[in-house]
Amino acid sequence: MATSRSQLKLTRDEVREILEEHDVDGDGRLTKQEVMQALNSMGVMMSFQKAHYGVAFADKDGDGAVDLEGGEIDSLVDYVMRFQASKDVPKDASPEALP
């Protein structure tokens, strides 16, 4: 039986690689649309609003996109990893169980 990406736990390096692959215009930056496409390809069910916040969180220079060089991409990877970890916590879990 085949396993989709959404059924797998992705590592930080895998998340980063997938994000980088979605720089479709090759400008070295990820737009909100490119980030949403990357998240969908990973099976990450994140609302547009949360994805928009993730881009804003990572966009340190305020240009509206996430640069693939420097720390911006690392901040976006951190955001995606935390989002994924929060989805693994049962709804009735105690606050101590949150990542």
N, C-alpha and C. Protein backbone atom coordinates (compact mmCIF):
# COMPACT_ATOMS: atom_id res chain seq x y z
N MET A 1 0.84 -1.18 0.00
CA MET A 1 0.00 0.00 0.00
C MET A 1 0.89 1.24 0.00
N ALA A 2 0.59 2.19 -0.86
CA ALA A 2 1.36 3.43 -0.94
C ALA A 2 1.00 4.36 0.21
N THR A 3 1.98 5.12 0.63
CA THR A 3 1.77 6.08 1.71
C THR A 3 1.97 7.48 1.16
N SER A 4 1.00 8.35 1.39
CA SER A 4 1.14 9.73 0.92
C SER A 4 1.99 10.52 1.89
N ARG A 5 2.48 11.68 1.42
CA ARG A 5 3.28 12.54 2.29
C ARG A 5 2.49 12.96 3.52
N SER A 6 1.17 13.11 3.37
CA SER A 6 0.36 13.57 4.50
C SER A 6 0.33 12.56 5.62
N GLN A 7 0.66 11.29 5.33
CA GLN A 7 0.66 10.26 6.36
C GLN A 7 2.04 10.12 7.00
N LEU A 8 3.02 10.81 6.47
CA LEU A 8 4.38 10.70 6.97
C LEU A 8 4.75 11.91 7.82
N LYS A 9 5.66 11.71 8.74
CA LYS A 9 6.25 12.81 9.49
C LYS A 9 7.43 13.31 8.67
N LEU A 10 7.39 14.56 8.29
CA LEU A 10 8.48 15.13 7.52
C LEU A 10 9.52 15.74 8.45
N THR A 11 10.78 15.58 8.10
CA THR A 11 11.85 16.21 8.87
C THR A 11 11.98 17.67 8.47
N ARG A 12 12.74 18.43 9.25
CA ARG A 12 12.99 19.84 8.92
C ARG A 12 13.61 19.97 7.53
N ASP A 13 14.58 19.10 7.23
CA ASP A 13 15.24 19.17 5.92
C ASP A 13 14.27 18.88 4.79
N GLU A 14 13.37 17.91 4.99
CA GLU A 14 12.38 17.59 3.96
C GLU A 14 11.40 18.75 3.76
N VAL A 15 10.96 19.36 4.85
CA VAL A 15 10.06 20.52 4.74
C VAL A 15 10.76 21.64 3.98
N ARG A 16 11.99 21.90 4.33
CA ARG A 16 12.75 22.97 3.66
C ARG A 16 12.91 22.66 2.17
N GLU A 17 13.25 21.42 1.84
CA GLU A 17 13.44 21.03 0.44
C GLU A 17 12.14 21.22 -0.36
N ILE A 18 11.02 20.80 0.21
CA ILE A 18 9.74 20.94 -0.48
C ILE A 18 9.40 22.42 -0.67
N LEU A 19 9.62 23.22 0.36
CA LEU A 19 9.37 24.66 0.22
C LEU A 19 10.23 25.24 -0.90
N GLU A 20 11.52 24.90 -0.92
CA GLU A 20 12.43 25.43 -1.93
C GLU A 20 12.00 25.00 -3.34
N GLU A 21 11.49 23.78 -3.48
CA GLU A 21 11.03 23.28 -4.78
C GLU A 21 9.86 24.09 -5.32
N HIS A 22 9.14 24.76 -4.45
CA HIS A 22 7.94 25.50 -4.86
C HIS A 22 8.23 26.97 -5.21
N ASP A 23 9.49 27.32 -5.33
CA ASP A 23 9.86 28.65 -5.85
C ASP A 23 9.74 28.55 -7.38
N VAL A 24 8.50 28.56 -7.88
CA VAL A 24 8.24 28.25 -9.28
C VAL A 24 8.84 29.26 -10.25
N ASP A 25 8.96 30.51 -9.85
CA ASP A 25 9.52 31.50 -10.77
C ASP A 25 11.04 31.65 -10.61
N GLY A 26 11.62 30.91 -9.66
CA GLY A 26 13.07 30.88 -9.50
C GLY A 26 13.71 32.17 -9.04
N ASP A 27 12.93 33.02 -8.35
CA ASP A 27 13.48 34.31 -7.91
C ASP A 27 14.14 34.26 -6.54
N GLY A 28 14.20 33.06 -5.93
CA GLY A 28 14.85 32.93 -4.63
C GLY A 28 13.98 33.36 -3.46
N ARG A 29 12.68 33.54 -3.73
CA ARG A 29 11.73 33.96 -2.70
C ARG A 29 10.44 33.15 -2.85
N LEU A 30 9.75 32.94 -1.74
CA LEU A 30 8.45 32.26 -1.77
C LEU A 30 7.34 33.26 -1.50
N THR A 31 6.40 33.33 -2.43
CA THR A 31 5.22 34.16 -2.23
C THR A 31 4.22 33.38 -1.37
N LYS A 32 3.17 34.05 -0.92
CA LYS A 32 2.12 33.36 -0.15
C LYS A 32 1.52 32.22 -0.97
N GLN A 33 1.31 32.45 -2.26
CA GLN A 33 0.74 31.41 -3.12
C GLN A 33 1.67 30.21 -3.23
N GLU A 34 2.97 30.46 -3.38
CA GLU A 34 3.93 29.37 -3.47
C GLU A 34 3.98 28.60 -2.15
N VAL A 35 3.89 29.29 -1.03
CA VAL A 35 3.87 28.63 0.28
C VAL A 35 2.63 27.75 0.39
N MET A 36 1.47 28.26 -0.01
CA MET A 36 0.24 27.46 0.06
C MET A 36 0.35 26.21 -0.80
N GLN A 37 0.91 26.34 -2.00
CA GLN A 37 1.10 25.18 -2.87
C GLN A 37 2.03 24.16 -2.23
N ALA A 38 3.09 24.63 -1.61
CA ALA A 38 4.03 23.72 -0.94
C ALA A 38 3.35 23.01 0.22
N LEU A 39 2.60 23.75 1.03
CA LEU A 39 1.89 23.14 2.16
C LEU A 39 0.92 22.08 1.68
N ASN A 40 0.16 22.39 0.62
CA ASN A 40 -0.78 21.42 0.07
C ASN A 40 -0.07 20.17 -0.41
N SER A 41 1.10 20.32 -1.04
CA SER A 41 1.84 19.16 -1.54
C SER A 41 2.36 18.29 -0.40
N MET A 42 2.56 18.91 0.78
CA MET A 42 3.02 18.17 1.96
C MET A 42 1.86 17.52 2.70
N GLY A 43 0.63 17.85 2.30
CA GLY A 43 -0.53 17.35 3.03
C GLY A 43 -0.82 18.13 4.29
N VAL A 44 -0.24 19.33 4.41
CA VAL A 44 -0.46 20.17 5.58
C VAL A 44 -1.75 20.95 5.35
N MET A 45 -2.74 20.70 6.17
CA MET A 45 -4.02 21.37 6.05
C MET A 45 -4.00 22.64 6.91
N MET A 46 -3.54 23.71 6.32
CA MET A 46 -3.42 24.99 7.02
C MET A 46 -4.31 26.00 6.29
N SER A 47 -5.07 26.77 7.04
CA SER A 47 -5.91 27.79 6.42
C SER A 47 -5.05 28.85 5.75
N PHE A 48 -5.65 29.57 4.79
CA PHE A 48 -4.91 30.65 4.14
C PHE A 48 -4.47 31.68 5.17
N GLN A 49 -5.34 31.93 6.16
CA GLN A 49 -5.01 32.92 7.19
C GLN A 49 -3.77 32.50 7.98
N LYS A 50 -3.70 31.22 8.37
CA LYS A 50 -2.53 30.74 9.12
C LYS A 50 -1.28 30.74 8.24
N ALA A 51 -1.43 30.39 6.97
CA ALA A 51 -0.29 30.43 6.05
C ALA A 51 0.18 31.87 5.86
N HIS A 52 -0.77 32.79 5.74
CA HIS A 52 -0.43 34.21 5.61
C HIS A 52 0.35 34.67 6.85
N TYR A 53 -0.10 34.25 8.03
CA TYR A 53 0.60 34.61 9.26
C TYR A 53 2.01 34.00 9.26
N GLY A 54 2.13 32.76 8.79
CA GLY A 54 3.45 32.11 8.73
C GLY A 54 4.42 32.87 7.85
N VAL A 55 3.93 33.36 6.71
CA VAL A 55 4.78 34.15 5.81
C VAL A 55 5.16 35.46 6.50
N ALA A 56 4.18 36.12 7.12
CA ALA A 56 4.46 37.38 7.82
C ALA A 56 5.46 37.16 8.96
N PHE A 57 5.33 36.04 9.67
CA PHE A 57 6.23 35.68 10.77
C PHE A 57 7.67 35.53 10.25
N ALA A 58 7.81 34.88 9.10
CA ALA A 58 9.14 34.59 8.56
C ALA A 58 9.74 35.76 7.78
N ASP A 59 8.90 36.64 7.28
CA ASP A 59 9.33 37.74 6.41
C ASP A 59 9.95 38.87 7.22
N LYS A 60 11.21 38.72 7.56
CA LYS A 60 11.89 39.68 8.44
C LYS A 60 12.14 41.04 7.78
N ASP A 61 12.30 41.06 6.45
CA ASP A 61 12.58 42.33 5.79
C ASP A 61 11.32 43.03 5.28
N GLY A 62 10.16 42.41 5.47
CA GLY A 62 8.89 43.05 5.15
C GLY A 62 8.59 43.22 3.68
N ASP A 63 9.21 42.40 2.81
CA ASP A 63 8.96 42.55 1.37
C ASP A 63 7.79 41.71 0.87
N GLY A 64 7.11 41.00 1.78
CA GLY A 64 5.93 40.22 1.41
C GLY A 64 6.21 38.82 0.93
N ALA A 65 7.46 38.38 0.99
CA ALA A 65 7.84 37.04 0.57
C ALA A 65 8.90 36.50 1.53
N VAL A 66 9.12 35.19 1.45
CA VAL A 66 10.11 34.53 2.30
C VAL A 66 11.35 34.25 1.45
N ASP A 67 12.47 34.85 1.82
CA ASP A 67 13.73 34.65 1.11
C ASP A 67 14.28 33.26 1.41
N LEU A 68 14.78 32.60 0.35
CA LEU A 68 15.34 31.26 0.51
C LEU A 68 16.76 31.29 1.06
N GLU A 69 17.41 32.42 1.00
CA GLU A 69 18.74 32.59 1.58
C GLU A 69 18.59 33.33 2.90
N GLY A 70 19.41 32.99 3.87
CA GLY A 70 19.33 33.66 5.16
C GLY A 70 18.32 32.99 6.08
N GLY A 71 17.92 33.70 7.08
CA GLY A 71 17.10 33.11 8.13
C GLY A 71 15.62 33.04 7.87
N GLU A 72 15.11 33.71 6.82
CA GLU A 72 13.67 33.72 6.61
C GLU A 72 13.12 32.33 6.35
N ILE A 73 13.78 31.55 5.50
CA ILE A 73 13.29 30.20 5.20
C ILE A 73 13.32 29.35 6.46
N ASP A 74 14.33 29.53 7.31
CA ASP A 74 14.41 28.76 8.55
C ASP A 74 13.24 29.10 9.48
N SER A 75 12.86 30.37 9.52
CA SER A 75 11.72 30.78 10.34
C SER A 75 10.43 30.15 9.82
N LEU A 76 10.27 30.07 8.49
CA LEU A 76 9.07 29.45 7.92
C LEU A 76 9.05 27.95 8.22
N VAL A 77 10.20 27.30 8.10
CA VAL A 77 10.28 25.87 8.42
C VAL A 77 9.90 25.66 9.88
N ASP A 78 10.41 26.48 10.79
CA ASP A 78 10.05 26.39 12.21
C ASP A 78 8.54 26.51 12.39
N TYR A 79 7.94 27.47 11.71
CA TYR A 79 6.49 27.70 11.81
C TYR A 79 5.71 26.46 11.35
N VAL A 80 6.11 25.89 10.21
CA VAL A 80 5.43 24.70 9.68
C VAL A 80 5.60 23.52 10.63
N MET A 81 6.81 23.34 11.17
CA MET A 81 7.06 22.22 12.08
C MET A 81 6.22 22.36 13.35
N ARG A 82 6.12 23.58 13.90
CA ARG A 82 5.30 23.79 15.10
C ARG A 82 3.83 23.56 14.79
N PHE A 83 3.38 24.00 13.62
CA PHE A 83 1.99 23.78 13.23
C PHE A 83 1.71 22.29 13.15
N GLN A 84 2.59 21.54 12.51
CA GLN A 84 2.42 20.09 12.40
C GLN A 84 2.41 19.43 13.77
N ALA A 85 3.30 19.84 14.65
CA ALA A 85 3.37 19.26 16.00
C ALA A 85 2.09 19.54 16.77
N SER A 86 1.51 20.71 16.58
CA SER A 86 0.28 21.05 17.31
C SER A 86 -0.89 20.21 16.82
N LYS A 87 -0.84 19.72 15.58
CA LYS A 87 -1.91 18.87 15.04
C LYS A 87 -1.83 17.45 15.60
N ASP A 88 -0.69 17.08 16.15
CA ASP A 88 -0.51 15.74 16.70
C ASP A 88 -0.98 15.63 18.14
N VAL A 89 -1.31 16.75 18.76
CA VAL A 89 -1.75 16.75 20.15
C VAL A 89 -3.26 16.57 20.19
N PRO A 90 -3.76 15.58 20.93
CA PRO A 90 -5.21 15.39 21.01
C PRO A 90 -5.91 16.64 21.55
N LYS A 91 -7.13 16.86 21.08
CA LYS A 91 -7.89 18.05 21.47
C LYS A 91 -8.10 18.14 22.98
N ASP A 92 -8.18 16.99 23.67
CA ASP A 92 -8.44 17.00 25.11
C ASP A 92 -7.15 16.91 25.93
N ALA A 93 -5.99 17.14 25.29
CA ALA A 93 -4.71 17.05 26.00
C ALA A 93 -4.56 18.23 26.96
N SER A 94 -3.79 17.99 28.00
CA SER A 94 -3.51 19.06 28.96
C SER A 94 -2.56 20.08 28.33
N PRO A 95 -2.54 21.30 28.85
CA PRO A 95 -1.64 22.33 28.29
C PRO A 95 -0.17 21.92 28.32
N GLU A 96 0.21 21.06 29.24
CA GLU A 96 1.61 20.62 29.32
C GLU A 96 2.00 19.78 28.11
N ALA A 97 1.02 19.21 27.40
CA ALA A 97 1.31 18.36 26.26
C ALA A 97 1.56 19.15 24.98
N LEU A 98 1.28 20.44 25.01
CA LEU A 98 1.45 21.26 23.81
C LEU A 98 2.92 21.51 23.54
N PRO A 99 3.28 21.55 22.23
CA PRO A 99 4.69 21.78 21.87
C PRO A 99 5.15 23.18 22.19
